All heavy atoms as atom14 arrays in JSON, in Angstrom:
{
  "sequence": "DAMHQEARVPDLPPPTPVHPAPAAPDMEQLRTLCAAARRPLLLLGG",
  "atom14_mask": [
    [1, 1, 1, 1, 1, 1, 1, 1, 0, 0, 0, 0, 0, 0],
    [1, 1, 1, 1, 1, 0, 0, 0, 0, 0, 0, 0, 0, 0],
    [1, 1, 1, 1, 1, 1, 1, 1, 0, 0, 0, 0, 0, 0],
    [1, 1, 1, 1, 1, 1, 1, 1, 1, 1, 0, 0, 0, 0],
    [1, 1, 1, 1, 1, 1, 1, 1, 1, 0, 0, 0, 0, 0],
    [1, 1, 1, 1, 1, 1, 1, 1, 1, 0, 0, 0, 0, 0],
    [1, 1, 1, 1, 1, 0, 0, 0, 0, 0, 0, 0, 0, 0],
    [1, 1, 1, 1, 1, 1, 1, 1, 1, 1, 1, 0, 0, 0],
    [1, 1, 1, 1, 1, 1, 1, 0, 0, 0, 0, 0, 0, 0],
    [1, 1, 1, 1, 1, 1, 1, 0, 0, 0, 0, 0, 0, 0],
    [1, 1, 1, 1, 1, 1, 1, 1, 0, 0, 0, 0, 0, 0],
    [1, 1, 1, 1, 1, 1, 1, 1, 0, 0, 0, 0, 0, 0],
    [1, 1, 1, 1, 1, 1, 1, 0, 0, 0, 0, 0, 0, 0],
    [1, 1, 1, 1, 1, 1, 1, 0, 0, 0, 0, 0, 0, 0],
    [1, 1, 1, 1, 1, 1, 1, 0, 0, 0, 0, 0, 0, 0],
    [1, 1, 1, 1, 1, 1, 1, 0, 0, 0, 0, 0, 0, 0],
    [1, 1, 1, 1, 1, 1, 1, 0, 0, 0, 0, 0, 0, 0],
    [1, 1, 1, 1, 1, 1, 1, 0, 0, 0, 0, 0, 0, 0],
    [1, 1, 1, 1, 1, 1, 1, 1, 1, 1, 0, 0, 0, 0],
    [1, 1, 1, 1, 1, 1, 1, 0, 0, 0, 0, 0, 0, 0],
    [1, 1, 1, 1, 1, 0, 0, 0, 0, 0, 0, 0, 0, 0],
    [1, 1, 1, 1, 1, 1, 1, 0, 0, 0, 0, 0, 0, 0],
    [1, 1, 1, 1, 1, 0, 0, 0, 0, 0, 0, 0, 0, 0],
    [1, 1, 1, 1, 1, 0, 0, 0, 0, 0, 0, 0, 0, 0],
    [1, 1, 1, 1, 1, 1, 1, 0, 0, 0, 0, 0, 0, 0],
    [1, 1, 1, 1, 1, 1, 1, 1, 0, 0, 0, 0, 0, 0],
    [1, 1, 1, 1, 1, 1, 1, 1, 0, 0, 0, 0, 0, 0],
    [1, 1, 1, 1, 1, 1, 1, 1, 1, 0, 0, 0, 0, 0],
    [1, 1, 1, 1, 1, 1, 1, 1, 1, 0, 0, 0, 0, 0],
    [1, 1, 1, 1, 1, 1, 1, 1, 0, 0, 0, 0, 0, 0],
    [1, 1, 1, 1, 1, 1, 1, 1, 1, 1, 1, 0, 0, 0],
    [1, 1, 1, 1, 1, 1, 1, 0, 0, 0, 0, 0, 0, 0],
    [1, 1, 1, 1, 1, 1, 1, 1, 0, 0, 0, 0, 0, 0],
    [1, 1, 1, 1, 1, 1, 0, 0, 0, 0, 0, 0, 0, 0],
    [1, 1, 1, 1, 1, 0, 0, 0, 0, 0, 0, 0, 0, 0],
    [1, 1, 1, 1, 1, 0, 0, 0, 0, 0, 0, 0, 0, 0],
    [1, 1, 1, 1, 1, 0, 0, 0, 0, 0, 0, 0, 0, 0],
    [1, 1, 1, 1, 1, 1, 1, 1, 1, 1, 1, 0, 0, 0],
    [1, 1, 1, 1, 1, 1, 1, 1, 1, 1, 1, 0, 0, 0],
    [1, 1, 1, 1, 1, 1, 1, 0, 0, 0, 0, 0, 0, 0],
    [1, 1, 1, 1, 1, 1, 1, 1, 0, 0, 0, 0, 0, 0],
    [1, 1, 1, 1, 1, 1, 1, 1, 0, 0, 0, 0, 0, 0],
    [1, 1, 1, 1, 1, 1, 1, 1, 0, 0, 0, 0, 0, 0],
    [1, 1, 1, 1, 1, 1, 1, 1, 0, 0, 0, 0, 0, 0],
    [1, 1, 1, 1, 0, 0, 0, 0, 0, 0, 0, 0, 0, 0],
    [1, 1, 1, 1, 0, 0, 0, 0, 0, 0, 0, 0, 0, 0]
  ],
  "atom14_positions": [
    [[-35.85, -60.05, 38.38], [-36.42, -59.86, 39.75], [-37.92, -59.92, 39.75], [-38.55, -60.27, 40.77], [-35.85, -58.52, 40.37], [-36.0, -57.31, 39.35], [-35.72, -57.55, 38.18], [-36.45, -56.28, 39.83], [0.0, 0.0, 0.0], [0.0, 0.0, 0.0], [0.0, 0.0, 0.0], [0.0, 0.0, 0.0], [0.0, 0.0, 0.0], [0.0, 0.0, 0.0]],
    [[-38.57, -59.51, 38.58], [-39.98, -59.54, 38.57], [-40.5, -60.98, 38.62], [-41.62, -61.23, 39.01], [-40.58, -58.82, 37.33], [0.0, 0.0, 0.0], [0.0, 0.0, 0.0], [0.0, 0.0, 0.0], [0.0, 0.0, 0.0], [0.0, 0.0, 0.0], [0.0, 0.0, 0.0], [0.0, 0.0, 0.0], [0.0, 0.0, 0.0], [0.0, 0.0, 0.0]],
    [[-39.72, -61.95, 38.16], [-40.05, -63.32, 38.19], [-40.19, -63.86, 39.62], [-40.94, -64.76, 40.02], [-39.01, -64.19, 37.45], [-38.94, -63.9, 36.05], [-40.49, -64.35, 35.11], [-39.91, -63.95, 33.43], [0.0, 0.0, 0.0], [0.0, 0.0, 0.0], [0.0, 0.0, 0.0], [0.0, 0.0, 0.0], [0.0, 0.0, 0.0], [0.0, 0.0, 0.0]],
    [[-39.36, -63.3, 40.58], [-39.33, -63.69, 41.95], [-40.27, -62.92, 42.87], [-40.61, -63.43, 44.03], [-37.83, -63.63, 42.51], [-36.93, -64.49, 41.72], [-36.89, -65.87, 41.96], [-36.07, -64.25, 40.77], [-35.93, -66.38, 41.17], [-35.48, -65.42, 40.37], [0.0, 0.0, 0.0], [0.0, 0.0, 0.0], [0.0, 0.0, 0.0], [0.0, 0.0, 0.0]],
    [[-40.64, -61.75, 42.52], [-41.58, -60.99, 43.32], [-42.93, -61.77, 43.47], [-43.29, -62.57, 42.6], [-41.9, -59.62, 42.68], [-40.78, -58.68, 42.52], [-41.08, -57.37, 41.68], [-42.32, -57.24, 41.27], [-40.17, -56.52, 41.5], [0.0, 0.0, 0.0], [0.0, 0.0, 0.0], [0.0, 0.0, 0.0], [0.0, 0.0, 0.0], [0.0, 0.0, 0.0]],
    [[-43.55, -61.49, 44.62], [-44.86, -62.14, 44.86], [-46.01, -61.03, 44.9], [-45.72, -59.92, 45.3], [-44.85, -62.81, 46.21], [-44.05, -64.09, 46.11], [-44.39, -65.01, 47.36], [-45.11, -64.59, 48.27], [-43.92, -66.19, 47.35], [0.0, 0.0, 0.0], [0.0, 0.0, 0.0], [0.0, 0.0, 0.0], [0.0, 0.0, 0.0], [0.0, 0.0, 0.0]],
    [[-47.09, -61.43, 44.29], [-48.18, -60.45, 44.21], [-49.53, -61.19, 44.25], [-49.62, -62.38, 43.91], [-48.1, -59.66, 42.93], [0.0, 0.0, 0.0], [0.0, 0.0, 0.0], [0.0, 0.0, 0.0], [0.0, 0.0, 0.0], [0.0, 0.0, 0.0], [0.0, 0.0, 0.0], [0.0, 0.0, 0.0], [0.0, 0.0, 0.0], [0.0, 0.0, 0.0]],
    [[-50.56, -60.45, 44.7], [-51.93, -60.99, 44.57], [-52.68, -60.21, 43.6], [-53.0, -59.06, 43.83], [-52.6, -60.86, 45.96], [-51.99, -61.72, 47.06], [-52.78, -61.65, 48.38], [-54.05, -62.24, 48.14], [-55.16, -62.09, 48.98], [-54.95, -61.33, 50.12], [-56.27, -62.65, 48.74], [0.0, 0.0, 0.0], [0.0, 0.0, 0.0], [0.0, 0.0, 0.0]],
    [[-52.9, -60.79, 42.41], [-53.57, -60.15, 41.33], [-54.48, -61.05, 40.65], [-54.3, -62.39, 40.63], [-52.52, -59.56, 40.22], [-51.75, -58.43, 40.82], [-51.64, -60.76, 39.72], [0.0, 0.0, 0.0], [0.0, 0.0, 0.0], [0.0, 0.0, 0.0], [0.0, 0.0, 0.0], [0.0, 0.0, 0.0], [0.0, 0.0, 0.0], [0.0, 0.0, 0.0]],
    [[-55.59, -60.52, 40.19], [-56.6, -61.46, 39.53], [-56.16, -61.95, 38.14], [-55.37, -61.24, 37.38], [-57.82, -60.6, 39.4], [-57.39, -59.19, 39.32], [-56.07, -59.16, 40.23], [0.0, 0.0, 0.0], [0.0, 0.0, 0.0], [0.0, 0.0, 0.0], [0.0, 0.0, 0.0], [0.0, 0.0, 0.0], [0.0, 0.0, 0.0], [0.0, 0.0, 0.0]],
    [[-56.53, -63.1, 37.73], [-56.34, -63.51, 36.36], [-57.17, -62.78, 35.37], [-58.33, -62.43, 35.76], [-56.53, -65.04, 36.24], [-55.5, -65.81, 37.02], [-54.38, -65.46, 37.05], [-55.98, -66.8, 37.69], [0.0, 0.0, 0.0], [0.0, 0.0, 0.0], [0.0, 0.0, 0.0], [0.0, 0.0, 0.0], [0.0, 0.0, 0.0], [0.0, 0.0, 0.0]],
    [[-56.66, -62.48, 34.22], [-57.49, -61.85, 33.18], [-57.87, -62.75, 32.06], [-57.04, -63.65, 31.72], [-56.7, -60.58, 32.7], [-56.3, -59.5, 33.66], [-55.47, -58.43, 32.9], [-57.54, -58.86, 34.25], [0.0, 0.0, 0.0], [0.0, 0.0, 0.0], [0.0, 0.0, 0.0], [0.0, 0.0, 0.0], [0.0, 0.0, 0.0], [0.0, 0.0, 0.0]],
    [[-58.99, -62.55, 31.47], [-59.35, -63.33, 30.25], [-58.66, -62.83, 29.1], [-58.1, -61.69, 29.06], [-60.92, -63.09, 30.12], [-61.08, -61.69, 30.69], [-60.15, -61.55, 31.88], [0.0, 0.0, 0.0], [0.0, 0.0, 0.0], [0.0, 0.0, 0.0], [0.0, 0.0, 0.0], [0.0, 0.0, 0.0], [0.0, 0.0, 0.0], [0.0, 0.0, 0.0]],
    [[-58.5, -63.62, 28.07], [-57.8, -63.19, 26.84], [-58.64, -62.01, 26.21], [-59.91, -62.1, 26.16], [-57.87, -64.39, 25.94], [-58.9, -65.27, 26.39], [-58.97, -64.99, 27.89], [0.0, 0.0, 0.0], [0.0, 0.0, 0.0], [0.0, 0.0, 0.0], [0.0, 0.0, 0.0], [0.0, 0.0, 0.0], [0.0, 0.0, 0.0], [0.0, 0.0, 0.0]],
    [[-57.93, -60.91, 25.83], [-58.66, -59.78, 25.29], [-59.21, -60.18, 23.87], [-58.6, -60.89, 23.14], [-57.59, -58.67, 25.13], [-56.3, -59.46, 25.17], [-56.49, -60.71, 25.96], [0.0, 0.0, 0.0], [0.0, 0.0, 0.0], [0.0, 0.0, 0.0], [0.0, 0.0, 0.0], [0.0, 0.0, 0.0], [0.0, 0.0, 0.0], [0.0, 0.0, 0.0]],
    [[-60.33, -59.54, 23.6], [-60.88, -59.72, 22.25], [-60.19, -58.78, 21.27], [-60.15, -57.62, 21.48], [-62.4, -59.38, 22.33], [-63.05, -60.21, 23.2], [-62.97, -59.61, 20.9], [0.0, 0.0, 0.0], [0.0, 0.0, 0.0], [0.0, 0.0, 0.0], [0.0, 0.0, 0.0], [0.0, 0.0, 0.0], [0.0, 0.0, 0.0], [0.0, 0.0, 0.0]],
    [[-59.69, -59.33, 20.19], [-59.06, -58.45, 19.13], [-60.01, -57.39, 18.62], [-61.3, -57.61, 18.55], [-58.68, -59.49, 18.02], [-58.66, -60.77, 18.72], [-59.6, -60.74, 19.75], [0.0, 0.0, 0.0], [0.0, 0.0, 0.0], [0.0, 0.0, 0.0], [0.0, 0.0, 0.0], [0.0, 0.0, 0.0], [0.0, 0.0, 0.0], [0.0, 0.0, 0.0]],
    [[-59.51, -56.28, 18.25], [-60.25, -55.16, 17.76], [-60.11, -55.13, 16.24], [-59.02, -54.93, 15.8], [-59.81, -53.84, 18.44], [-60.62, -52.64, 17.88], [-59.97, -53.95, 19.94], [0.0, 0.0, 0.0], [0.0, 0.0, 0.0], [0.0, 0.0, 0.0], [0.0, 0.0, 0.0], [0.0, 0.0, 0.0], [0.0, 0.0, 0.0], [0.0, 0.0, 0.0]],
    [[-61.17, -55.27, 15.57], [-61.18, -55.13, 14.12], [-62.31, -54.29, 13.59], [-63.49, -54.68, 13.92], [-61.27, -56.57, 13.43], [-60.16, -57.49, 13.74], [-58.82, -57.18, 13.45], [-60.18, -58.61, 14.51], [-58.08, -58.18, 13.9], [-58.87, -59.05, 14.51], [0.0, 0.0, 0.0], [0.0, 0.0, 0.0], [0.0, 0.0, 0.0], [0.0, 0.0, 0.0]],
    [[-62.1, -53.19, 12.91], [-63.18, -52.24, 12.55], [-63.93, -52.88, 11.29], [-63.37, -53.71, 10.59], [-62.4, -51.08, 12.1], [-61.06, -51.52, 11.7], [-60.72, -52.71, 12.53], [0.0, 0.0, 0.0], [0.0, 0.0, 0.0], [0.0, 0.0, 0.0], [0.0, 0.0, 0.0], [0.0, 0.0, 0.0], [0.0, 0.0, 0.0], [0.0, 0.0, 0.0]],
    [[-65.19, -52.5, 11.25], [-66.1, -52.9, 10.15], [-66.1, -51.67, 9.25], [-65.94, -50.51, 9.62], [-67.47, -53.24, 10.61], [0.0, 0.0, 0.0], [0.0, 0.0, 0.0], [0.0, 0.0, 0.0], [0.0, 0.0, 0.0], [0.0, 0.0, 0.0], [0.0, 0.0, 0.0], [0.0, 0.0, 0.0], [0.0, 0.0, 0.0], [0.0, 0.0, 0.0]],
    [[-66.32, -51.85, 7.89], [-66.35, -50.79, 7.02], [-67.57, -49.94, 7.26], [-68.65, -50.39, 7.54], [-66.42, -51.48, 5.62], [-67.0, -52.85, 5.9], [-66.52, -53.21, 7.25], [0.0, 0.0, 0.0], [0.0, 0.0, 0.0], [0.0, 0.0, 0.0], [0.0, 0.0, 0.0], [0.0, 0.0, 0.0], [0.0, 0.0, 0.0], [0.0, 0.0, 0.0]],
    [[-67.4, -48.59, 7.0], [-68.47, -47.69, 7.21], [-69.46, -47.73, 6.05], [-68.99, -48.04, 4.89], [-67.89, -46.24, 7.31], [0.0, 0.0, 0.0], [0.0, 0.0, 0.0], [0.0, 0.0, 0.0], [0.0, 0.0, 0.0], [0.0, 0.0, 0.0], [0.0, 0.0, 0.0], [0.0, 0.0, 0.0], [0.0, 0.0, 0.0], [0.0, 0.0, 0.0]],
    [[-70.73, -47.52, 6.3], [-71.71, -47.61, 5.23], [-71.5, -46.71, 4.03], [-71.66, -47.09, 2.84], [-73.11, -47.33, 5.78], [0.0, 0.0, 0.0], [0.0, 0.0, 0.0], [0.0, 0.0, 0.0], [0.0, 0.0, 0.0], [0.0, 0.0, 0.0], [0.0, 0.0, 0.0], [0.0, 0.0, 0.0], [0.0, 0.0, 0.0], [0.0, 0.0, 0.0]],
    [[-71.09, -45.41, 4.31], [-70.76, -44.54, 3.14], [-69.64, -45.09, 2.28], [-69.62, -44.82, 1.05], [-70.4, -43.19, 3.77], [-71.03, -43.23, 5.12], [-71.02, -44.67, 5.57], [0.0, 0.0, 0.0], [0.0, 0.0, 0.0], [0.0, 0.0, 0.0], [0.0, 0.0, 0.0], [0.0, 0.0, 0.0], [0.0, 0.0, 0.0], [0.0, 0.0, 0.0]],
    [[-68.63, -45.67, 2.91], [-67.59, -46.23, 2.07], [-67.96, -47.36, 1.23], [-67.58, -47.49, 0.1], [-66.46, -46.78, 3.11], [-65.64, -45.64, 3.7], [-65.6, -44.56, 3.24], [-65.07, -45.93, 4.74], [0.0, 0.0, 0.0], [0.0, 0.0, 0.0], [0.0, 0.0, 0.0], [0.0, 0.0, 0.0], [0.0, 0.0, 0.0], [0.0, 0.0, 0.0]],
    [[-68.88, -48.19, 1.73], [-69.35, -49.34, 0.93], [-70.22, -48.8, -0.25], [-70.21, -49.41, -1.26], [-70.13, -50.32, 1.82], [-69.27, -51.03, 2.84], [-67.86, -51.86, 2.07], [-68.69, -53.11, 1.09], [0.0, 0.0, 0.0], [0.0, 0.0, 0.0], [0.0, 0.0, 0.0], [0.0, 0.0, 0.0], [0.0, 0.0, 0.0], [0.0, 0.0, 0.0]],
    [[-70.93, -47.75, 0.02], [-71.74, -47.18, -1.04], [-70.89, -46.59, -2.1], [-71.17, -46.83, -3.32], [-72.73, -46.06, -0.49], [-73.64, -45.39, -1.5], [-74.49, -46.31, -2.32], [-74.82, -47.45, -1.74], [-74.76, -46.04, -3.43], [0.0, 0.0, 0.0], [0.0, 0.0, 0.0], [0.0, 0.0, 0.0], [0.0, 0.0, 0.0], [0.0, 0.0, 0.0]],
    [[-69.82, -45.93, -1.72], [-68.85, -45.43, -2.7], [-68.25, -46.57, -3.47], [-68.01, -46.51, -4.64], [-67.87, -44.59, -2.15], [-66.89, -43.83, -3.12], [-65.86, -42.84, -2.4], [-66.04, -42.61, -1.26], [-64.99, -42.35, -3.15], [0.0, 0.0, 0.0], [0.0, 0.0, 0.0], [0.0, 0.0, 0.0], [0.0, 0.0, 0.0], [0.0, 0.0, 0.0]],
    [[-67.9, -47.66, -2.73], [-67.29, -48.84, -3.44], [-68.27, -49.41, -4.4], [-67.87, -49.85, -5.58], [-66.95, -49.91, -2.34], [-66.42, -51.17, -2.92], [-65.12, -50.97, -3.74], [-66.13, -52.24, -1.8], [0.0, 0.0, 0.0], [0.0, 0.0, 0.0], [0.0, 0.0, 0.0], [0.0, 0.0, 0.0], [0.0, 0.0, 0.0], [0.0, 0.0, 0.0]],
    [[-69.53, -49.52, -4.08], [-70.52, -49.99, -5.0], [-70.59, -49.22, -6.31], [-70.59, -49.79, -7.4], [-71.95, -49.98, -4.43], [-73.01, -50.64, -5.2], [-74.47, -50.2, -4.77], [-74.66, -48.81, -4.89], [-74.89, -48.25, -6.08], [-75.04, -49.04, -7.17], [-75.11, -47.0, -6.17], [0.0, 0.0, 0.0], [0.0, 0.0, 0.0], [0.0, 0.0, 0.0]],
    [[-70.47, -47.92, -6.21], [-70.48, -47.0, -7.37], [-69.24, -47.27, -8.26], [-69.29, -47.38, -9.44], [-70.49, -45.54, -6.93], [-71.72, -45.36, -6.18], [-70.53, -44.63, -8.2], [0.0, 0.0, 0.0], [0.0, 0.0, 0.0], [0.0, 0.0, 0.0], [0.0, 0.0, 0.0], [0.0, 0.0, 0.0], [0.0, 0.0, 0.0], [0.0, 0.0, 0.0]],
    [[-68.05, -47.49, -7.58], [-66.82, -47.62, -8.34], [-66.85, -49.02, -9.0], [-66.38, -49.14, -10.12], [-65.59, -47.53, -7.34], [-65.35, -46.14, -6.8], [-64.2, -46.18, -5.8], [-64.91, -45.2, -7.94], [0.0, 0.0, 0.0], [0.0, 0.0, 0.0], [0.0, 0.0, 0.0], [0.0, 0.0, 0.0], [0.0, 0.0, 0.0], [0.0, 0.0, 0.0]],
    [[-67.38, -50.04, -8.28], [-67.38, -51.36, -8.85], [-68.42, -51.39, -10.1], [-68.07, -52.07, -11.07], [-67.91, -52.35, -7.83], [-66.63, -52.67, -6.53], [0.0, 0.0, 0.0], [0.0, 0.0, 0.0], [0.0, 0.0, 0.0], [0.0, 0.0, 0.0], [0.0, 0.0, 0.0], [0.0, 0.0, 0.0], [0.0, 0.0, 0.0], [0.0, 0.0, 0.0]],
    [[-69.47, -50.74, -9.98], [-70.49, -50.72, -11.07], [-69.96, -50.12, -12.37], [-70.31, -50.46, -13.52], [-71.72, -50.0, -10.64], [0.0, 0.0, 0.0], [0.0, 0.0, 0.0], [0.0, 0.0, 0.0], [0.0, 0.0, 0.0], [0.0, 0.0, 0.0], [0.0, 0.0, 0.0], [0.0, 0.0, 0.0], [0.0, 0.0, 0.0], [0.0, 0.0, 0.0]],
    [[-68.93, -49.21, -12.13], [-68.41, -48.46, -13.36], [-67.19, -49.22, -13.96], [-66.86, -48.85, -15.08], [-68.0, -47.09, -12.92], [0.0, 0.0, 0.0], [0.0, 0.0, 0.0], [0.0, 0.0, 0.0], [0.0, 0.0, 0.0], [0.0, 0.0, 0.0], [0.0, 0.0, 0.0], [0.0, 0.0, 0.0], [0.0, 0.0, 0.0], [0.0, 0.0, 0.0]],
    [[-66.68, -50.19, -13.18], [-65.47, -50.87, -13.7], [-65.77, -51.78, -14.84], [-66.78, -52.52, -14.74], [-64.77, -51.57, -12.53], [0.0, 0.0, 0.0], [0.0, 0.0, 0.0], [0.0, 0.0, 0.0], [0.0, 0.0, 0.0], [0.0, 0.0, 0.0], [0.0, 0.0, 0.0], [0.0, 0.0, 0.0], [0.0, 0.0, 0.0], [0.0, 0.0, 0.0]],
    [[-64.86, -51.87, -15.81], [-64.97, -52.8, -16.84], [-63.87, -53.88, -16.86], [-63.95, -54.89, -17.38], [-64.93, -52.08, -18.21], [-66.16, -51.18, -18.48], [-67.43, -52.0, -18.46], [-68.66, -51.06, -18.46], [-69.32, -50.71, -17.45], [-68.96, -51.12, -16.21], [-70.42, -49.94, -17.58], [0.0, 0.0, 0.0], [0.0, 0.0, 0.0], [0.0, 0.0, 0.0]],
    [[-62.75, -53.46, -16.2], [-61.59, -54.41, -16.14], [-61.09, -54.38, -14.69], [-59.98, -54.0, -14.36], [-60.47, -53.99, -17.07], [-60.9, -54.11, -18.52], [-59.67, -53.68, -19.47], [-59.14, -52.35, -19.09], [-59.72, -51.13, -19.52], [-60.75, -51.16, -20.26], [-59.19, -50.04, -19.15], [0.0, 0.0, 0.0], [0.0, 0.0, 0.0], [0.0, 0.0, 0.0]],
    [[-61.9, -54.88, -13.77], [-61.52, -54.8, -12.29], [-60.61, -56.0, -11.96], [-60.65, -57.11, -12.63], [-62.78, -54.96, -11.6], [-63.69, -55.78, -12.53], [-63.26, -55.36, -13.88], [0.0, 0.0, 0.0], [0.0, 0.0, 0.0], [0.0, 0.0, 0.0], [0.0, 0.0, 0.0], [0.0, 0.0, 0.0], [0.0, 0.0, 0.0], [0.0, 0.0, 0.0]],
    [[-59.84, -55.89, -10.94], [-58.99, -56.98, -10.32], [-59.19, -56.89, -8.81], [-59.12, -55.83, -8.25], [-57.47, -56.76, -10.7], [-56.94, -57.59, -11.81], [-55.44, -57.1, -12.03], [-56.99, -59.02, -11.55], [0.0, 0.0, 0.0], [0.0, 0.0, 0.0], [0.0, 0.0, 0.0], [0.0, 0.0, 0.0], [0.0, 0.0, 0.0], [0.0, 0.0, 0.0]],
    [[-59.51, -58.03, -8.22], [-59.5, -58.24, -6.83], [-58.2, -58.89, -6.31], [-57.85, -59.93, -6.7], [-60.7, -59.16, -6.45], [-60.96, -59.4, -4.94], [-61.04, -58.16, -4.11], [-62.15, -60.35, -4.83], [0.0, 0.0, 0.0], [0.0, 0.0, 0.0], [0.0, 0.0, 0.0], [0.0, 0.0, 0.0], [0.0, 0.0, 0.0], [0.0, 0.0, 0.0]],
    [[-57.55, -58.12, -5.45], [-56.19, -58.49, -4.91], [-56.29, -58.81, -3.46], [-56.62, -57.83, -2.7], [-55.13, -57.45, -5.25], [-53.76, -57.6, -4.74], [-53.14, -58.85, -5.29], [-52.89, -56.48, -5.04], [0.0, 0.0, 0.0], [0.0, 0.0, 0.0], [0.0, 0.0, 0.0], [0.0, 0.0, 0.0], [0.0, 0.0, 0.0], [0.0, 0.0, 0.0]],
    [[-56.04, -60.0, -3.05], [-56.15, -60.45, -1.65], [-54.8, -60.68, -0.98], [-53.89, -61.18, -1.66], [-56.99, -61.71, -1.55], [-58.34, -61.79, -2.26], [-59.03, -63.17, -2.07], [-59.27, -60.68, -1.7], [0.0, 0.0, 0.0], [0.0, 0.0, 0.0], [0.0, 0.0, 0.0], [0.0, 0.0, 0.0], [0.0, 0.0, 0.0], [0.0, 0.0, 0.0]],
    [[-54.73, -60.48, 0.27], [-53.44, -60.75, 1.0], [-53.58, -60.7, 2.47], [-54.75, -60.63, 2.99], [0.0, 0.0, 0.0], [0.0, 0.0, 0.0], [0.0, 0.0, 0.0], [0.0, 0.0, 0.0], [0.0, 0.0, 0.0], [0.0, 0.0, 0.0], [0.0, 0.0, 0.0], [0.0, 0.0, 0.0], [0.0, 0.0, 0.0], [0.0, 0.0, 0.0]],
    [[-52.49, -60.73, 3.16], [-52.49, -60.57, 4.59], [-52.88, -61.84, 5.4], [-53.2, -62.87, 4.79], [0.0, 0.0, 0.0], [0.0, 0.0, 0.0], [0.0, 0.0, 0.0], [0.0, 0.0, 0.0], [0.0, 0.0, 0.0], [0.0, 0.0, 0.0], [0.0, 0.0, 0.0], [0.0, 0.0, 0.0], [0.0, 0.0, 0.0], [0.0, 0.0, 0.0]]
  ]
}
């Protein structure tokens, strides 16, 4: 029934996806952990 209803509504633009950026303290802690590593592995996915 919603297909047949009539309405006056504005078109919307496509929404911008929301993706967080890493926090500066997290990156600083990561830098410390990386500097101490001797056998690191980088694992990528998704």
